[in-house]
C-alpha atoms as a PDB file:
ATOM      1  CA  MET A   1      92.755  83.230  87.126  1.00  0.00           C
ATOM      2  CA  PHE A   2      92.084  81.811  90.314  1.00  0.00           C
ATOM      3  CA  PHE A   3      94.227  81.928  94.346  1.00  0.00           C
ATOM      4  CA  GLY A   4      95.352  78.761  95.514  1.00  0.00           C
ATOM      5  CA  GLN A   5      95.356  78.910  99.922  1.00  0.00           C
ATOM      6  CA  ARG A   6      98.034  78.774 101.291  1.00  0.00           C
ATOM      7  CA  GLY A   7      98.099  78.229 105.544  1.00  0.00           C
ATOM      8  CA  ALA A   8      95.718  75.903 107.278  1.00  0.00           C
ATOM      9  CA  LEU A   9      91.987  75.079 104.805  1.00  0.00           C
ATOM     10  CA  GLN A  10      89.010  76.604 106.293  1.00  0.00           C
ATOM     11  CA  PRO A  11      85.775  75.732 106.078  1.00  0.00           C
ATOM     12  CA  HIS A  12      83.613  77.910 103.825  1.00  0.00           C
ATOM     13  CA  GLY A  13      82.041  80.969 105.503  1.00  0.00           C
ATOM     14  CA  GLN A  14      84.904  80.776 108.076  1.00  0.00           C
ATOM     15  CA  HIS A  15      87.611  83.072 107.833  1.00  0.00           C
ATOM     16  CA  HIS A  16      91.170  84.194 109.350  1.00  0.00           C
ATOM     17  CA  ARG A  17      91.648  87.047 111.399  1.00  0.00           C
ATOM     18  CA  GLY A  18      94.317  89.737 110.559  1.00  0.00           C
ATOM     19  CA  VAL A  19      97.036  89.582 107.677  1.00  0.00           C
ATOM     20  CA  ASP A  20      97.275  92.629 106.371  1.00  0.00           C
ATOM     21  CA  GLN A  21      98.953  95.305 108.950  1.00  0.00           C
ATOM     22  CA  GLY A  22      96.999  98.653 109.123  1.00  0.00           C
ATOM     23  CA  THR A  23      97.679 101.511 109.779  1.00  0.00           C
ATOM     24  CA  ASN A  24      96.391 100.501 113.825  1.00  0.00           C
ATOM     25  CA  GLY A  25      98.907  98.308 113.613  1.00  0.00           C
ATOM     26  CA  ALA A  26      96.455  95.749 113.782  1.00  0.00           C
ATOM     27  CA  TRP A  27      96.338  93.391 110.291  1.00  0.00           C
ATOM     28  CA  GLY A  28      93.992  94.883 107.973  1.00  0.00           C
ATOM     29  CA  GLY A  29      93.491  96.467 104.673  1.00  0.00           C
ATOM     30  CA  LEU A  30      95.531  99.607 104.825  1.00  0.00           C
ATOM     31  CA  PRO A  31      98.590 100.511 104.925  1.00  0.00           C
ATOM     32  CA  PRO A  32     100.892 101.649 107.860  1.00  0.00           C
ATOM     33  CA  ARG A  33     100.453 105.251 108.092  1.00  0.00           C
ATOM     34  CA  GLU A  34     104.209 105.813 108.705  1.00  0.00           C
ATOM     35  CA  ALA A  35     104.562 104.049 105.465  1.00  0.00           C
ATOM     36  CA  VAL A  36     101.909 106.392 103.456  1.00  0.00           C
ATOM     37  CA  GLU A  37     103.764 109.048 105.345  1.00  0.00           C
ATOM     38  CA  SER A  38     106.819 108.682 103.804  1.00  0.00           C
ATOM     39  CA  PHE A  39     106.054 108.314 100.210  1.00  0.00           C
ATOM     40  CA  PRO A  40     106.191 111.546  97.689  1.00  0.00           C
ATOM     41  CA  ALA A  41     103.826 114.349  98.672  1.00  0.00           C
ATOM     42  CA  MET A  42     101.861 113.258  94.907  1.00  0.00           C
ATOM     43  CA  MET A  43     101.105 110.070  96.387  1.00  0.00           C
ATOM     44  CA  ARG A  44      99.913 110.564  99.663  1.00  0.00           C
ATOM     45  CA  PRO A  45      96.842 111.470  98.411  1.00  0.00           C
ATOM     46  CA  LEU A  46      95.964 107.950  96.284  1.00  0.00           C
ATOM     47  CA  LEU A  47      97.281 106.096  99.293  1.00  0.00           C
ATOM     48  CA  MET A  48      95.368 107.269 101.423  1.00  0.00           C
ATOM     49  CA  VAL A  49      91.765 106.987  99.776  1.00  0.00           C
ATOM     50  CA  PRO A  50      91.411 102.570 100.199  1.00  0.00           C
ATOM     51  CA  CYS A  51      88.695 102.130 102.619  1.00  0.00           C
ATOM     52  CA  ALA A  52      87.070 105.024 100.674  1.00  0.00           C
ATOM     53  CA  VAL A  53      87.794 104.018  97.413  1.00  0.00           C
ATOM     54  CA  LEU A  54      86.923 100.879  98.073  1.00  0.00           C
ATOM     55  CA  GLY A  55      83.591 101.570 100.099  1.00  0.00           C
ATOM     56  CA  LEU A  56      84.212  98.536 102.333  1.00  0.00           C
ATOM     57  CA  SER A  57      85.199  98.846 105.773  1.00  0.00           C
ATOM     58  CA  LEU A  58      86.636  95.319 105.877  1.00  0.00           C
ATOM     59  CA  GLY A  59      90.073  95.915 107.608  1.00  0.00           C
ATOM     60  CA  CYS A  60      89.794  99.513 108.755  1.00  0.00           C
ATOM     61  CA  GLY A  61      89.699  99.138 111.714  1.00  0.00           C
ATOM     62  CA  PRO A  62      90.068  97.463 114.986  1.00  0.00           C
ATOM     63  CA  GLY A  63      88.754  94.488 115.562  1.00  0.00           C
ATOM     64  CA  ASP A  64      87.781  93.390 111.945  1.00  0.00           C
ATOM     65  CA  TYR A  65      88.960  90.986 110.150  1.00  0.00           C
ATOM     66  CA  THR A  66      90.070  90.002 105.940  1.00  0.00           C
ATOM     67  CA  PRO A  67      87.683  87.758 104.127  1.00  0.00           C
ATOM     68  CA  ALA A  68      89.934  84.597 102.248  1.00  0.00           C
ATOM     69  CA  PRO A  69      90.188  85.566  99.333  1.00  0.00           C
ATOM     70  CA  GLY A  70      89.461  83.432  96.384  1.00  0.00           C
ATOM     71  CA  VAL A  71      88.901  79.741  96.097  1.00  0.00           C
ATOM     72  CA  GLN A  72      90.732  76.939  98.114  1.00  0.00           C
ATOM     73  CA  THR A  73      93.104  74.398  96.744  1.00  0.00           C
ATOM     74  CA  ASP A  74      95.599  71.382  97.485  1.00  0.00           C
ATOM     75  CA  ASP A  75      98.295  72.700  97.105  1.00  0.00           C
ATOM     76  CA  ALA A  76      98.448  74.857 100.978  1.00  0.00           C
ATOM     77  CA  GLU A  77     101.647  75.940 101.935  1.00  0.00           C
ATOM     78  CA  ALA A  78     102.276  78.000 105.471  1.00  0.00           C
ATOM     79  CA  VAL A  79     102.103  81.777 105.396  1.00  0.00           C
ATOM     80  CA  ASP A  80     105.535  83.904 106.664  1.00  0.00           C
ATOM     81  CA  LEU A  81     103.131  86.794 108.108  1.00  0.00           C
ATOM     82  CA  ASP A  82     106.676  88.415 109.038  1.00  0.00           C
ATOM     83  CA  ASN A  83     107.206  88.640 104.761  1.00  0.00           C
ATOM     84  CA  LEU A  84     103.938  88.684 103.541  1.00  0.00           C
ATOM     85  CA  ARG A  85     105.249  87.380 100.120  1.00  0.00           C
ATOM     86  CA  ILE A  86     103.693  85.155  97.486  1.00  0.00           C
ATOM     87  CA  GLY A  87     104.039  83.855  94.411  1.00  0.00           C
ATOM     88  CA  VAL A  88     102.039  84.695  91.256  1.00  0.00           C
ATOM     89  CA  SER A  89     102.110  81.939  87.987  1.00  0.00           C
ATOM     90  CA  GLY A  90      99.815  81.980  85.364  1.00  0.00           C
ATOM     91  CA  THR A  91     100.600  82.348  81.182  1.00  0.00           C
ATOM     92  CA  VAL A  92     101.234  85.307  79.476  1.00  0.00           C
ATOM     93  CA  ASP A  93      99.718  85.974  75.456  1.00  0.00           C
ATOM     94  CA  LEU A  94      98.719  87.791  73.158  1.00  0.00           C
ATOM     95  CA  LEU A  95      95.062  89.542  73.267  1.00  0.00           C
ATOM     96  CA  PRO A  96      92.882  87.530  71.290  1.00  0.00           C
ATOM     97  CA  GLU A  97      91.543  90.973  69.494  1.00  0.00           C
ATOM     98  CA  ALA A  98      95.518  91.566  68.951  1.00  0.00           C
ATOM     99  CA  ARG A  99      96.227  87.935  67.613  1.00  0.00           C
ATOM    100  CA  ARG A 100      93.311  88.211  64.980  1.00  0.00           C
ATOM    101  CA  LEU A 101      94.224  91.891  63.820  1.00  0.00           C
ATOM    102  CA  LEU A 102      98.052  90.652  62.969  1.00  0.00           C
ATOM    103  CA  GLU A 103      97.351  87.659  61.376  1.00  0.00           C
ATOM    104  CA  ALA A 104      94.337  89.063  59.479  1.00  0.00           C
ATOM    105  CA  ARG A 105      96.933  91.525  58.335  1.00  0.00           C
ATOM    106  CA  GLY A 106      99.934  89.189  58.102  1.00  0.00           C
ATOM    107  CA  LEU A 107     101.918  90.712  60.455  1.00  0.00           C
ATOM    108  CA  PRO A 108     104.443  88.910  62.116  1.00  0.00           C
ATOM    109  CA  LEU A 109     103.647  88.200  66.258  1.00  0.00           C
ATOM    110  CA  PRO A 110     105.812  89.431  68.783  1.00  0.00           C
ATOM    111  CA  THR A 111     108.149  86.786  70.616  1.00  0.00           C
ATOM    112  CA  LEU A 112     107.025  86.340  74.412  1.00  0.00           C
ATOM    113  CA  GLU A 113     109.647  83.279  75.266  1.00  0.00           C
ATOM    114  CA  GLY A 114     111.830  85.167  77.078  1.00  0.00           C
ATOM    115  CA  ALA A 115     109.772  87.573  78.151  1.00  0.00           C
ATOM    116  CA  PRO A 116     110.304  89.207  81.525  1.00  0.00           C
ATOM    117  CA  LEU A 117     107.625  89.443  83.426  1.00  0.00           C
ATOM    118  CA  THR A 118     107.344  91.773  86.264  1.00  0.00           C
ATOM    119  CA  ALA A 119     104.841  92.128  89.059  1.00  0.00           C
ATOM    120  CA  ALA A 120     104.138  95.568  90.327  1.00  0.00           C
ATOM    121  CA  GLU A 121     101.052  97.455  91.703  1.00  0.00           C
ATOM    122  CA  PRO A 122      99.789  99.913  89.204  1.00  0.00           C
ATOM    123  CA  LEU A 123      98.865 102.545  91.723  1.00  0.00           C
ATOM    124  CA  ARG A 124     102.497 102.702  92.281  1.00  0.00           C
ATOM    125  CA  LEU A 125     103.562 102.507  88.782  1.00  0.00           C
ATOM    126  CA  ALA A 126     101.072 105.206  88.034  1.00  0.00           C
ATOM    127  CA  VAL A 127     103.053 107.782  89.967  1.00  0.00           C
ATOM    128  CA  ASN A 128     106.498 106.734  89.072  1.00  0.00           C
ATOM    129  CA  ASP A 129     107.656 104.722  92.849  1.00  0.00           C
ATOM    130  CA  ALA A 130     110.390 103.287  92.325  1.00  0.00           C
ATOM    131  CA  ASN A 131     109.031 100.454  94.227  1.00  0.00           C
ATOM    132  CA  ALA A 132     106.452  99.957  92.537  1.00  0.00           C
ATOM    133  CA  THR A 133     108.178  96.574  91.032  1.00  0.00           C
ATOM    134  CA  PHE A 134     107.442  93.407  93.693  1.00  0.00           C
ATOM    135  CA  GLY A 135     109.656  90.823  91.478  1.00  0.00           C
ATOM    136  CA  THR A 136     110.402  89.996  87.744  1.00  0.00           C
ATOM    137  CA  ALA A 137     110.424  86.396  85.794  1.00  0.00           C
ATOM    138  CA  PRO A 138     111.176  85.344  82.200  1.00  0.00           C
ATOM    139  CA  ALA A 139     108.263  83.302  80.373  1.00  0.00           C
ATOM    140  CA  ALA A 140     108.571  80.307  79.054  1.00  0.00           C
ATOM    141  CA  ALA A 141     108.084  78.872  75.653  1.00  0.00           C
ATOM    142  CA  ASP A 142     104.230  78.368  76.526  1.00  0.00           C
ATOM    143  CA  GLY A 143     103.955  81.452  77.772  1.00  0.00           C
ATOM    144  CA  ALA A 144     104.042  79.868  81.416  1.00  0.00           C
ATOM    145  CA  PHE A 145     105.655  82.245  83.936  1.00  0.00           C
ATOM    146  CA  THR A 146     106.275  82.294  88.024  1.00  0.00           C
ATOM    147  CA  VAL A 147     107.320  85.225  89.998  1.00  0.00           C
ATOM    148  CA  ARG A 148     108.198  84.267  93.351  1.00  0.00           C
ATOM    149  CA  ASP A 149     109.269  86.440  96.791  1.00  0.00           C
ATOM    150  CA  VAL A 150     105.967  88.693  95.730  1.00  0.00           C
ATOM    151  CA  ALA A 151     105.928  91.659  99.021  1.00  0.00           C
ATOM    152  CA  VAL A 152     102.218  92.250  98.991  1.00  0.00           C
ATOM    153  CA  ARG A 153     102.662  94.283 102.673  1.00  0.00           C
ATOM    154  CA  GLU A 154     103.904  96.917  99.566  1.00  0.00           C
ATOM    155  CA  MET A 155     100.764  96.239  97.739  1.00  0.00           C
ATOM    156  CA  HIS A 156      97.514  98.745  98.296  1.00  0.00           C
ATOM    157  CA  LEU A 157      95.093  98.167  96.361  1.00  0.00           C
ATOM    158  CA  SER A 158      95.492  95.740  93.475  1.00  0.00           C
ATOM    159  CA  LEU A 159      98.677  93.463  92.005  1.00  0.00           C
ATOM    160  CA  ALA A 160      99.168  93.559  88.033  1.00  0.00           C
ATOM    161  CA  VAL A 161     101.842  92.038  85.750  1.00  0.00           C
ATOM    162  CA  GLY A 162     102.952  93.128  82.513  1.00  0.00           C
ATOM    163  CA  ALA A 163     105.147  92.003  79.992  1.00  0.00           C
ATOM    164  CA  GLU A 164     108.283  93.707  78.279  1.00  0.00           C
ATOM    165  CA  ALA A 165     109.071  92.539  74.899  1.00  0.00           C
ATOM    166  CA  ALA A 166     109.885  94.113  71.774  1.00  0.00           C
ATOM    167  CA  GLY A 167     106.781  94.997  69.988  1.00  0.00           C
ATOM    168  CA  LEU A 168     104.472  95.411  72.909  1.00  0.00           C
ATOM    169  CA  VAL A 169     102.933  98.412  74.577  1.00  0.00           C
ATOM    170  CA  PRO A 170     103.789  98.799  77.886  1.00  0.00           C
ATOM    171  CA  ALA A 171     100.689  97.261  79.465  1.00  0.00           C
ATOM    172  CA  HIS A 172     100.486  95.786  82.972  1.00  0.00           C
ATOM    173  CA  THR A 173      96.746  93.087  83.528  1.00  0.00           C
ATOM    174  CA  VAL A 174      95.280  93.062  86.799  1.00  0.00           C
ATOM    175  CA  VAL A 175      95.280  89.730  88.958  1.00  0.00           C
ATOM    176  CA  TYR A 176      94.356  91.002  91.897  1.00  0.00           C
ATOM    177  CA  ASP A 177      91.897  93.476  93.352  1.00  0.00           C
ATOM    178  CA  SER A 178      91.506  94.404  96.582  1.00  0.00           C
ATOM    179  CA  ALA A 179      88.447  96.030  96.084  1.00  0.00           C
ATOM    180  CA  PHE A 180      86.596  92.158  96.191  1.00  0.00           C
ATOM    181  CA  THR A 181      88.314  91.681 100.186  1.00  0.00           C
ATOM    182  CA  GLY A 182      89.144  95.229 101.090  1.00  0.00           C
ATOM    183  CA  ALA A 183      92.856  93.378 101.900  1.00  0.00           C
ATOM    184  CA  ARG A 184      96.182  92.338 100.412  1.00  0.00           C
ATOM    185  CA  PRO A 185      96.304  89.097  98.814  1.00  0.00           C
ATOM    186  CA  ARG A 186      97.562  86.513 101.723  1.00  0.00           C
ATOM    187  CA  THR A 187      97.560  83.496  99.070  1.00  0.00           C
ATOM    188  CA  ASP A 188      99.458  82.293  96.264  1.00  0.00           C
ATOM    189  CA  ILE A 189      97.784  83.548  92.663  1.00  0.00           C
ATOM    190  CA  ILE A 190      97.757  80.736  90.710  1.00  0.00           C
ATOM    191  CA  GLY A 191      96.025  80.339  87.027  1.00  0.00           C
ATOM    192  CA  ALA A 192      96.686  83.821  86.316  1.00  0.00           C
ATOM    193  CA  ARG A 193      96.153  85.262  82.729  1.00  0.00           C
ATOM    194  CA  VAL A 194      98.296  88.342  81.229  1.00  0.00           C
ATOM    195  CA  TRP A 195      97.228  89.768  77.944  1.00  0.00           C
ATOM    196  CA  ALA A 196     100.433  91.200  75.823  1.00  0.00           C
ATOM    197  CA  LEU A 197      99.333  94.307  73.916  1.00  0.00           C
ATOM    198  CA  PRO A 198     101.294  94.455  70.445  1.00  0.00           C
ATOM    199  CA  ASP A 199     101.845  98.075  69.136  1.00  0.00           C
ATOM    200  CA  ALA A 200     100.142  97.269  66.067  1.00  0.00           C
ATOM    201  CA  PHE A 201      96.780  96.746  67.885  1.00  0.00           C
ATOM    202  CA  HIS A 202      97.655  99.742  69.899  1.00  0.00           C
ATOM    203  CA  ASP A 203      97.903 102.017  66.926  1.00  0.00           C
ATOM    204  CA  ALA A 204      94.425 100.043  65.617  1.00  0.00           C
ATOM    205  CA  LEU A 205      92.925 100.938  69.057  1.00  0.00           C
ATOM    206  CA  SER A 206      94.391 104.395  68.946  1.00  0.00           C
ATOM    207  CA  ILE A 207      92.849 104.764  65.443  1.00  0.00           C
ATOM    208  CA  ALA A 208      89.186 103.206  66.670  1.00  0.00           C
ATOM    209  CA  VAL A 209      89.141 105.682  69.275  1.00  0.00           C
ATOM    210  CA  GLY A 210      90.194 108.644  67.051  1.00  0.00           C
ATOM    211  CA  GLU A 211      93.274 111.083  67.409  1.00  0.00           C
ATOM    212  CA  SER A 212      91.144 114.318  67.728  1.00  0.00           C
ATOM    213  CA  ALA A 213      88.811 112.882  70.899  1.00  0.00           C
ATOM    214  CA  ILE A 214      92.471 111.389  71.925  1.00  0.00           C
ATOM    215  CA  ARG A 215      93.874 115.013  71.895  1.00  0.00           C
ATOM    216  CA  GLY A 216      90.473 116.318  73.400  1.00  0.00           C
ATOM    217  CA  HIS A 217      90.729 114.021  76.325  1.00  0.00           C
ATOM    218  CA  THR A 218      94.265 115.123  76.860  1.00  0.00           C
ATOM    219  CA  ASP A 219      94.724 119.001  75.787  1.00  0.00           C
ATOM    220  CA  ASN A 220      96.537 118.396  72.815  1.00  0.00           C
ATOM    221  CA  ARG A 221      99.252 116.036  74.847  1.00  0.00           C
ATOM    222  CA  ALA A 222      98.764 113.039  73.444  1.00  0.00           C
ATOM    223  CA  ALA A 223      97.681 111.887  69.925  1.00  0.00           C
ATOM    224  CA  THR A 224      97.810 107.963  70.914  1.00  0.00           C
ATOM    225  CA  LEU A 225      96.849 105.423  73.884  1.00  0.00           C
ATOM    226  CA  ARG A 226     100.399 105.513  74.960  1.00  0.00           C
ATOM    227  CA  ASP A 227     101.031 108.613  75.011  1.00  0.00           C
ATOM    228  CA  ALA A 228      97.841 109.302  76.741  1.00  0.00           C
ATOM    229  CA  GLY A 229      97.659 106.627  79.356  1.00  0.00           C
ATOM    230  CA  PHE A 230      94.976 104.178  79.081  1.00  0.00           C
ATOM    231  CA  VAL A 231      92.759 101.312  80.225  1.00  0.00           C
ATOM    232  CA  LEU A 232      91.767  98.666  78.343  1.00  0.00           C
ATOM    233  CA  GLY A 233      88.919  96.246  79.554  1.00  0.00           C
ATOM    234  CA  ARG A 234      86.740  93.567  79.049  1.00  0.00           C
ATOM    235  CA  VAL A 235      83.427  92.813  80.261  1.00  0.00           C
ATOM    236  CA  VAL A 236      82.591  89.395  80.978  1.00  0.00           C
ATOM    237  CA  ASP A 237      79.545  86.963  82.437  1.00  0.00           C
ATOM    238  CA  ALA A 238      79.983  84.838  84.922  1.00  0.00           C
ATOM    239  CA  SER A 239      80.822  81.852  82.110  1.00  0.00           C
ATOM    240  CA  GLY A 240      83.808  84.070  80.852  1.00  0.00           C
ATOM    241  CA  HIS A 241      82.498  85.179  77.587  1.00  0.00           C
ATOM    242  CA  PRO A 242      82.072  88.680  76.769  1.00  0.00           C
ATOM    243  CA  VAL A 243      79.133  90.933  77.335  1.00  0.00           C
ATOM    244  CA  ALA A 244      78.241  92.710  74.713  1.00  0.00           C
ATOM    245  CA  GLY A 245      75.796  95.836  75.549  1.00  0.00           C
ATOM    246  CA  ALA A 246      77.623  96.481  78.916  1.00  0.00           C
ATOM    247  CA  LYS A 247      78.332 100.100  79.786  1.00  0.00           C
ATOM    248  CA  VAL A 248      80.996 100.586  82.292  1.00  0.00           C
ATOM    249  CA  ALA A 249      81.552 104.214  84.253  1.00  0.00           C
ATOM    250  CA  PRO A 250      83.827 105.653  86.524  1.00  0.00           C
ATOM    251  CA  ASP A 251      82.642 107.217  89.747  1.00  0.00           C
ATOM    252  CA  GLY A 252      83.738 111.024  88.850  1.00  0.00           C
ATOM    253  CA  GLU A 253      81.505 112.334  86.681  1.00  0.00           C
ATOM    254  CA  ALA A 254      84.192 114.799  84.958  1.00  0.00           C
ATOM    255  CA  LEU A 255      85.916 111.119  83.642  1.00  0.00           C
ATOM    256  CA  ALA A 256      82.329 109.798  81.966  1.00  0.00           C
ATOM    257  CA  GLY A 257      83.245 110.533  78.981  1.00  0.00           C
ATOM    258  CA  ARG A 258      86.868 109.481  78.497  1.00  0.00           C
ATOM    259  CA  ILE A 259      85.371 105.468  77.538  1.00  0.00           C
ATOM    260  CA  TYR A 260      84.822 104.331  74.206  1.00  0.00           C
ATOM    261  CA  TYR A 261      83.877 101.080  72.796  1.00  0.00           C
ATOM    262  CA  PRO A 262      85.035  99.927  70.070  1.00  0.00           C
ATOM    263  CA  THR A 263      83.777  97.678  66.906  1.00  0.00           C
ATOM    264  CA  ALA A 264      84.887  94.226  66.765  1.00  0.00           C
ATOM    265  CA  ASP A 265      87.142  95.523  63.672  1.00  0.00           C
ATOM    266  CA  LEU A 266      88.634  97.784  64.891  1.00  0.00           C
ATOM    267  CA  GLN A 267      86.841 100.084  62.189  1.00  0.00           C
ATOM    268  CA  GLY A 268      85.508 102.668  65.084  1.00  0.00           C
ATOM    269  CA  ALA A 269      84.075 103.511  68.478  1.00  0.00           C
ATOM    270  CA  ASN A 270      80.981 104.523  70.182  1.00  0.00           C
ATOM    271  CA  GLN A 271      80.399 105.389  73.628  1.00  0.00           C
ATOM    272  CA  GLU A 272      76.788 103.771  73.542  1.00  0.00           C
ATOM    273  CA  GLY A 273      78.043 100.119  74.973  1.00  0.00           C
ATOM    274  CA  THR A 274      80.273  97.010  74.670  1.00  0.00           C
ATOM    275  CA  GLY A 275      80.425  95.281  71.350  1.00  0.00           C
ATOM    276  CA  PRO A 276      80.576  91.772  70.910  1.00  0.00           C
ATOM    277  CA  ASP A 277      83.999  91.429  72.088  1.00  0.00           C
ATOM    278  CA  GLY A 278      82.940  92.770  75.782  1.00  0.00           C
ATOM    279  CA  LEU A 279      85.528  95.575  74.845  1.00  0.00           C
ATOM    280  CA  PHE A 280      86.118  99.366  76.293  1.00  0.00           C
ATOM    281  CA  VAL A 281      88.889 101.874  76.434  1.00  0.00           C
ATOM    282  CA  TYR A 282      89.123 105.150  79.238  1.00  0.00           C
ATOM    283  CA  VAL A 283      91.253 107.461  77.932  1.00  0.00           C
ATOM    284  CA  HIS A 284      93.789 109.064  80.629  1.00  0.00           C
ATOM    285  CA  SER A 285      94.667 112.840  80.262  1.00  0.00           C
ATOM    286  CA  GLY A 286      98.116 113.008  80.072  1.00  0.00           C
ATOM    287  CA  ALA A 287      99.093 114.286  82.814  1.00  0.00           C
ATOM    288  CA  ASP A 288      99.101 113.193  86.699  1.00  0.00           C
ATOM    289  CA  ALA A 289      98.030 109.939  87.495  1.00  0.00           C
ATOM    290  CA  GLU A 290      94.352 109.386  88.257  1.00  0.00           C
ATOM    291  CA  ALA A 291      93.181 106.632  91.043  1.00  0.00           C
ATOM    292  CA  PHE A 292      88.762 105.705  90.628  1.00  0.00           C
ATOM    293  CA  LEU A 293      86.326 103.048  90.550  1.00  0.00           C
ATOM    294  CA  LEU A 294      85.109 101.592  87.432  1.00  0.00           C
ATOM    295  CA  SER A 295      81.792  99.737  87.644  1.00  0.00           C
ATOM    296  CA  VAL A 296      79.348  98.120  84.867  1.00  0.00           C
ATOM    297  CA  THR A 297      76.509 100.196  85.097  1.00  0.00           C
ATOM    298  CA  GLY A 298      72.370  98.803  85.278  1.00  0.00           C
ATOM    299  CA  THR A 299      73.145  95.462  86.250  1.00  0.00           C
ATOM    300  CA  ASP A 300      74.121  93.453  89.803  1.00  0.00           C
ATOM    301  CA  GLY A 301      76.819  91.741  91.019  1.00  0.00           C
ATOM    302  CA  TYR A 302      79.917  93.216  88.952  1.00  0.00           C
ATOM    303  CA  THR A 303      82.097  94.545  91.672  1.00  0.00           C
ATOM    304  CA  PRO A 304      83.185  98.499  90.826  1.00  0.00           C
ATOM    305  CA  ARG A 305      86.709  97.923  90.536  1.00  0.00           C
ATOM    306  CA  ASN A 306      90.054  99.863  91.288  1.00  0.00           C
ATOM    307  CA  VAL A 307      92.095 101.633  88.310  1.00  0.00           C
ATOM    308  CA  GLY A 308      95.510 103.887  88.714  1.00  0.00           C
ATOM    309  CA  VAL A 309      96.661 105.253  85.526  1.00  0.00           C
ATOM    310  CA  ALA A 310      98.941 107.484  84.153  1.00  0.00           C
ATOM    311  CA  ARG A 311     100.292 108.407  80.888  1.00  0.00           C
ATOM    312  CA  GLY A 312     102.772 106.337  78.690  1.00  0.00           C
ATOM    313  CA  TRP A 313     101.221 102.844  79.792  1.00  0.00           C
ATOM    314  CA  GLY A 314      98.246 101.309  79.801  1.00  0.00           C
ATOM    315  CA  LEU A 315      96.023  99.144  82.340  1.00  0.00           C
ATOM    316  CA  VAL A 316      94.334  96.207  81.053  1.00  0.00           C
ATOM    317  CA  LEU A 317      91.765  94.059  83.503  1.00  0.00           C
ATOM    318  CA  THR A 318      88.625  91.984  83.035  1.00  0.00           C
ATOM    319  CA  VAL A 319      85.552  92.582  84.483  1.00  0.00           C
ATOM    320  CA  HIS A 320      83.361  89.778  85.342  1.00  0.00           C
ATOM    321  CA  PRO A 321      80.663  89.716  88.227  1.00  0.00           C
ATOM    322  CA  GLY A 322      80.905  87.465  91.517  1.00  0.00           C
ATOM    323  CA  LEU A 323      84.263  87.346  93.861  1.00  0.00           C
ATOM    324  CA  HIS A 324      86.545  85.263  91.925  1.00  0.00           C
ATOM    325  CA  PRO A 325      87.582  84.954  88.091  1.00  0.00           C
ATOM    326  CA  PRO A 326      85.967  83.241  86.226  1.00  0.00           C
ATOM    327  CA  PRO A 327      87.301  79.627  84.739  1.00  0.00           C
END
């Protein structure tokens, strides 16, 4: 997945001043303060954290500017700064490990053609915000989709796309994370890869982590990952290949014990490091929404990633080194 530049192309190393309206009325990385204050009380603590959570100063005060995210392409179009609407396009497919599992067990593959693809803010989804969804479009026969007029002014930490179809677990794949830029996207997002999670794969993953572990992390509120809420991630290298032996950690020590690394055959999971597929699972509490940073430990080059999670659905993300996803 990569990002197509909209507006005048800039030489490498030069950046536009201002894209997103911040709390001080300038174009920066934070939502307008009056917008934050208008959200339900339970959501305000989560929405007030962008700069602190990101650990960045970009776009957080007068005179700051926003780096241009992604790479520049020749399909440039003008940005409407009054509306800040972009297009999100790419393909949706079954997670490779899920496809492999279903084929090995002789199970039918869920049909993705015509499935609605919804662009949304995971943080707002986590707190059941009625305005969390920014746009929807159907998947074509080859899995291609384009969600138009995505109002990224309403995005706070990240943008994700999820598929809804029979036989799929509710899950959204992160396609843009403000952790890299400290700002909302100001370009079309093109070539996004969205992963769909079949029910059978979710069930196998829940068994791999273990019902007793899930119940322990949820105070017996949930027996499956879906009921608890979960993050499914993959650690990859700069070429996009899975990294075995990687270890990830949330920024809160109290959350560290919730990370599991499933084996390639999904016959179990450990808490030592990723297997050959680079996969990891975070088990949510099954209670209130959580927002935190997730980091790859013991290695340089990986930016801590924003995570928003809540019971009833999953967040899917690829953790890669550098600022841009591998091709």
